[in-house]
Protein backbone atom coordinates (compact mmCIF):
# COMPACT_ATOMS: atom_id res chain seq x y z
CA MET A 1 22.03 -5.75 1.81
CA ASN A 2 18.60 -5.32 0.26
CA TYR A 3 15.66 -2.94 0.49
CA LEU A 4 11.99 -2.78 1.34
CA ILE A 5 10.38 0.20 -0.40
CA LEU A 6 6.89 1.28 0.65
CA VAL A 7 4.90 3.57 -1.64
CA ARG A 8 1.49 5.03 -0.95
CA HIS A 9 -0.36 5.45 -4.24
CA GLY A 10 -0.51 8.88 -5.85
CA GLN A 11 -3.43 11.15 -5.09
CA SER A 12 -6.73 9.55 -6.12
CA ARG A 13 -9.73 11.42 -7.47
CA TRP A 14 -11.47 10.97 -4.15
CA ASN A 15 -8.42 12.21 -2.23
CA LEU A 16 -8.78 15.31 -4.38
CA GLU A 17 -12.49 15.58 -3.52
CA ASN A 18 -11.82 14.92 0.21
CA ARG A 19 -13.98 11.79 0.21
CA PHE A 20 -13.57 8.50 2.07
CA ALA A 21 -12.45 5.95 -0.51
CA GLY A 22 -11.64 2.81 1.45
CA TRP A 23 -12.29 -0.22 -0.76
CA VAL A 24 -14.06 1.77 -3.48
CA ASP A 25 -11.91 1.38 -6.59
CA VAL A 26 -11.08 5.00 -7.42
CA PRO A 27 -8.43 5.87 -10.05
CA LEU A 28 -5.60 8.36 -9.73
CA SER A 29 -6.17 12.06 -10.26
CA GLU A 30 -4.03 14.06 -12.69
CA LYS A 31 -1.89 15.15 -9.74
CA GLY A 32 -1.70 11.52 -8.58
CA ILE A 33 -0.34 10.43 -11.94
CA LYS A 34 2.36 13.10 -11.70
CA GLU A 35 3.20 12.00 -8.14
CA ALA A 36 3.56 8.42 -9.31
CA MET A 37 5.78 9.51 -12.22
CA ASP A 38 7.95 11.58 -9.85
CA CYS A 39 8.25 8.52 -7.63
CA ALA A 40 9.18 6.44 -10.68
CA ASN A 41 11.97 8.90 -11.51
CA GLU A 42 13.30 8.67 -7.95
CA LEU A 43 13.32 4.87 -8.05
CA GLU A 44 14.65 4.58 -11.59
CA ASN A 45 18.06 3.27 -10.52
CA VAL A 46 16.81 0.91 -7.82
CA ASP A 47 16.96 -2.68 -9.06
CA LEU A 48 13.57 -4.04 -7.96
CA ASP A 49 13.16 -7.82 -7.80
CA VAL A 50 9.56 -8.37 -6.69
CA ALA A 51 6.45 -6.22 -6.23
CA PHE A 52 3.38 -6.41 -4.01
CA THR A 53 0.22 -4.36 -4.36
CA SER A 54 -3.42 -4.29 -3.32
CA LYS A 55 -6.47 -5.21 -5.38
CA LEU A 56 -7.35 -1.52 -5.87
CA SER A 57 -6.55 0.26 -9.14
CA ARG A 58 -4.97 3.39 -7.63
CA ALA A 59 -2.20 1.31 -6.05
CA GLN A 60 -1.75 -0.78 -9.18
CA GLU A 61 -1.65 2.29 -11.46
CA THR A 62 1.08 3.74 -9.27
CA LEU A 63 3.08 0.53 -9.45
CA PHE A 64 2.72 0.29 -13.23
CA LEU A 65 4.07 3.81 -13.68
CA ILE A 66 7.04 3.01 -11.45
CA LEU A 67 7.83 -0.18 -13.36
CA ALA A 68 7.41 1.51 -16.74
CA ARG A 69 10.19 3.93 -15.82
CA GLN A 70 12.36 0.93 -14.95
CA LYS A 71 11.49 -0.62 -18.32
CA LYS A 72 10.24 -3.71 -16.53
CA THR A 73 7.21 -5.78 -17.42
CA GLY A 74 5.19 -6.59 -14.35
CA ILE A 75 3.67 -10.06 -14.42
CA PHE A 76 0.82 -10.76 -12.02
CA LEU A 77 1.03 -14.12 -10.29
CA HIS A 78 -2.58 -14.99 -9.51
CA ASP A 79 -3.73 -16.93 -6.50
CA SER A 80 -6.97 -18.49 -7.74
CA LYS A 81 -6.93 -22.02 -9.13
CA LYS A 82 -8.35 -21.23 -12.58
CA ARG A 83 -6.15 -18.19 -13.05
CA ASP A 84 -3.15 -20.24 -11.93
CA GLU A 85 -3.96 -22.72 -14.67
CA TRP A 86 -4.72 -20.23 -17.44
CA SER A 87 -2.17 -17.50 -16.75
CA TYR A 88 0.67 -19.80 -15.80
CA HIS A 89 4.13 -18.30 -16.01
CA PRO A 90 7.27 -20.28 -15.26
CA SER A 91 8.98 -19.35 -12.01
CA ARG A 92 11.83 -17.75 -13.92
CA PHE A 93 11.98 -14.14 -15.01
CA ASP A 94 14.44 -12.36 -17.26
CA ASP A 95 15.94 -8.97 -16.43
CA SER A 96 13.04 -7.11 -18.06
CA GLU A 97 10.35 -8.87 -15.98
CA ILE A 98 9.22 -8.59 -12.37
CA PRO A 99 6.66 -10.74 -10.54
CA ILE A 100 3.71 -8.90 -8.97
CA TYR A 101 1.66 -10.32 -6.12
CA SER A 102 -1.71 -8.71 -5.42
CA SER A 103 -3.84 -9.18 -2.31
CA ASP A 104 -6.79 -7.48 -0.66
CA SER A 105 -4.85 -7.93 2.60
CA LEU A 106 -2.97 -4.83 1.40
CA ASN A 107 -6.15 -2.87 0.59
CA GLU A 108 -6.94 0.42 2.24
CA ARG A 109 -8.86 0.41 5.50
CA PHE A 110 -12.54 -0.40 4.89
CA TYR A 111 -14.54 2.66 5.95
CA GLY A 112 -17.98 1.03 5.90
CA ASN A 113 -20.85 3.51 5.84
CA LEU A 114 -18.45 6.43 5.43
CA GLN A 115 -17.21 5.30 2.02
CA GLY A 116 -18.03 7.84 -0.66
CA GLN A 117 -18.90 10.57 1.83
CA ASN A 118 -17.18 13.93 1.75
CA LYS A 119 -15.21 14.22 5.00
CA GLN A 120 -16.49 17.70 5.77
CA GLU A 121 -20.08 16.61 5.18
CA ALA A 122 -19.50 13.60 7.46
CA LYS A 123 -18.42 16.01 10.21
CA GLU A 124 -21.67 17.91 9.78
CA VAL A 125 -23.68 14.69 10.10
CA TYR A 126 -21.79 12.90 12.88
CA GLY A 127 -19.89 15.73 14.54
CA GLU A 128 -16.28 16.74 14.09
CA GLU A 129 -15.07 14.98 17.24
CA GLN A 130 -16.71 11.66 16.29
CA VAL A 131 -15.26 11.72 12.77
CA PHE A 132 -11.85 12.55 14.22
CA ILE A 133 -12.10 9.52 16.54
CA TRP A 134 -13.09 7.25 13.66
CA ARG A 135 -10.22 8.52 11.52
CA ARG A 136 -7.45 8.77 14.10
CA SER A 137 -8.05 6.30 16.90
CA TYR A 138 -6.34 2.92 16.68
CA ASP A 139 -9.17 0.61 17.67
CA VAL A 140 -12.51 2.43 17.13
CA GLN A 141 -14.46 1.25 14.09
CA PRO A 142 -16.53 3.60 11.94
CA PRO A 143 -20.09 2.30 11.38
CA GLY A 144 -19.83 -0.90 9.34
CA GLY A 145 -16.10 -0.49 8.83
CA GLU A 146 -12.63 -1.37 10.08
CA SER A 147 -10.48 0.23 12.74
CA LEU A 148 -6.77 0.67 12.13
CA ARG A 149 -6.26 -2.33 14.42
CA ASP A 150 -8.48 -4.42 12.11
CA THR A 151 -6.39 -3.32 9.13
CA TYR A 152 -3.20 -4.23 10.98
CA GLU A 153 -4.57 -7.67 11.84
CA ARG A 154 -5.11 -8.57 8.17
CA THR A 155 -2.06 -6.78 6.71
CA ILE A 156 0.68 -8.02 9.03
CA PRO A 157 -0.01 -11.79 8.71
CA TYR A 158 0.23 -11.32 4.92
CA PHE A 159 3.44 -9.31 5.35
CA LYS A 160 5.00 -12.04 7.49
CA GLU A 161 3.91 -14.92 5.24
CA HIS A 162 4.57 -13.44 1.79
CA ILE A 163 6.70 -10.29 1.88
CA LEU A 164 9.20 -11.06 4.64
CA PRO A 165 10.43 -14.30 2.99
CA GLN A 166 11.32 -12.31 -0.15
CA LEU A 167 13.41 -9.95 1.95
CA GLU A 168 15.04 -12.88 3.72
CA ALA A 169 15.93 -14.27 0.29
CA GLY A 170 17.86 -11.06 -0.43
CA LYS A 171 15.33 -9.49 -2.82
CA ASN A 172 14.63 -5.79 -3.25
CA VAL A 173 10.89 -5.51 -2.60
CA ILE A 174 8.45 -2.73 -3.44
CA VAL A 175 4.98 -2.52 -1.89
CA SER A 176 2.53 -0.15 -3.57
CA ALA A 177 -0.47 0.19 -1.30
CA HIS A 178 -2.43 2.64 0.88
CA GLY A 179 -2.13 5.00 3.80
CA ASN A 180 -3.53 2.65 6.43
CA SER A 181 -2.21 -0.67 5.16
CA LEU A 182 1.26 0.88 4.94
CA ARG A 183 0.81 2.53 8.32
CA SER A 184 0.24 -1.00 9.64
CA VAL A 185 3.48 -2.24 8.08
CA VAL A 186 5.44 0.71 9.47
CA LYS A 187 3.93 0.11 12.92
CA TYR A 188 5.11 -3.47 12.80
CA ILE A 189 8.65 -2.95 11.50
CA GLU A 190 9.35 0.18 13.60
CA ASN A 191 7.51 -1.14 16.68
CA ILE A 192 5.40 2.02 17.00
CA SER A 193 2.92 2.11 19.88
CA ASP A 194 -0.87 1.97 19.48
CA ASP A 195 -1.08 5.56 20.76
CA ASP A 196 1.53 6.94 18.37
CA ILE A 197 0.71 5.15 15.12
CA PRO A 198 -2.45 7.18 14.29
CA LYS A 199 -0.23 10.28 14.25
CA LEU A 200 1.94 8.90 11.46
CA GLU A 201 1.29 10.51 8.08
CA ILE A 202 2.39 8.77 4.88
CA ALA A 203 2.47 11.11 1.91
CA THR A 204 1.09 10.07 -1.48
CA GLY A 205 3.73 9.10 -4.02
CA LYS A 206 6.70 9.44 -1.63
CA PRO A 207 8.70 6.22 -1.16
CA LEU A 208 9.85 5.05 2.26
CA TYR A 209 13.12 3.10 2.26
CA TYR A 210 14.18 0.40 4.70
CA GLN A 211 17.38 -1.59 4.51
CA TYR A 212 16.95 -5.20 5.58
CA VAL A 213 20.11 -6.32 7.36
CA LYS A 214 20.35 -9.60 9.30
CA GLY A 215 16.65 -9.65 10.11
CA GLU A 216 16.50 -5.97 11.11
CA PHE A 217 14.89 -3.01 9.34
CA ILE A 218 16.91 0.19 9.15
CA LYS A 219 15.02 3.25 7.92
CA LYS A 220 16.86 5.34 5.34
CA GLU A 221 16.12 9.07 5.35
């Protein structure tokens, strides 16, 4: 029996300022650092085997704080040819090391023209109802950006190709990512409908646990 653990990064500075972050690389706030450290304390006794994260620093910072509490050295396994050559690490890790895979497939939803805008100010410009539709509908794109469906369609192929095989190999897997990329994963593994998934809230710094048993995911409360 092994686990999939999903963690939304701790509060970012733009979460604090109520701004659309999307793919803008915003670091954690002071509260976000504490949330990540609290998450690290909760996961201290979970024996993690492999980690996945996005290309954005707030997710990576959260992961680093979790691994530091476990006294594990995270080693990024790069996917570009030159980095593969120059940062080569043998495919063997001792007990103090954990491989980390990073992909923009796990990035937050791309908010296009909304990125950087304060959410309240966006409501004043576009109207509260329109901003609500952009934020909470499944398949409506904000101007220049992605819908939740678009995020799902890049996140889930990566999940199937890279994360699922680790679970099938019996590994305990942690994914440190974002509200919408993780919402996509939860939609897939819990088979949540298009209408219901926008209602799902994933709190910052609070791990979600799933047992992986004979090809099935069992959520642990």
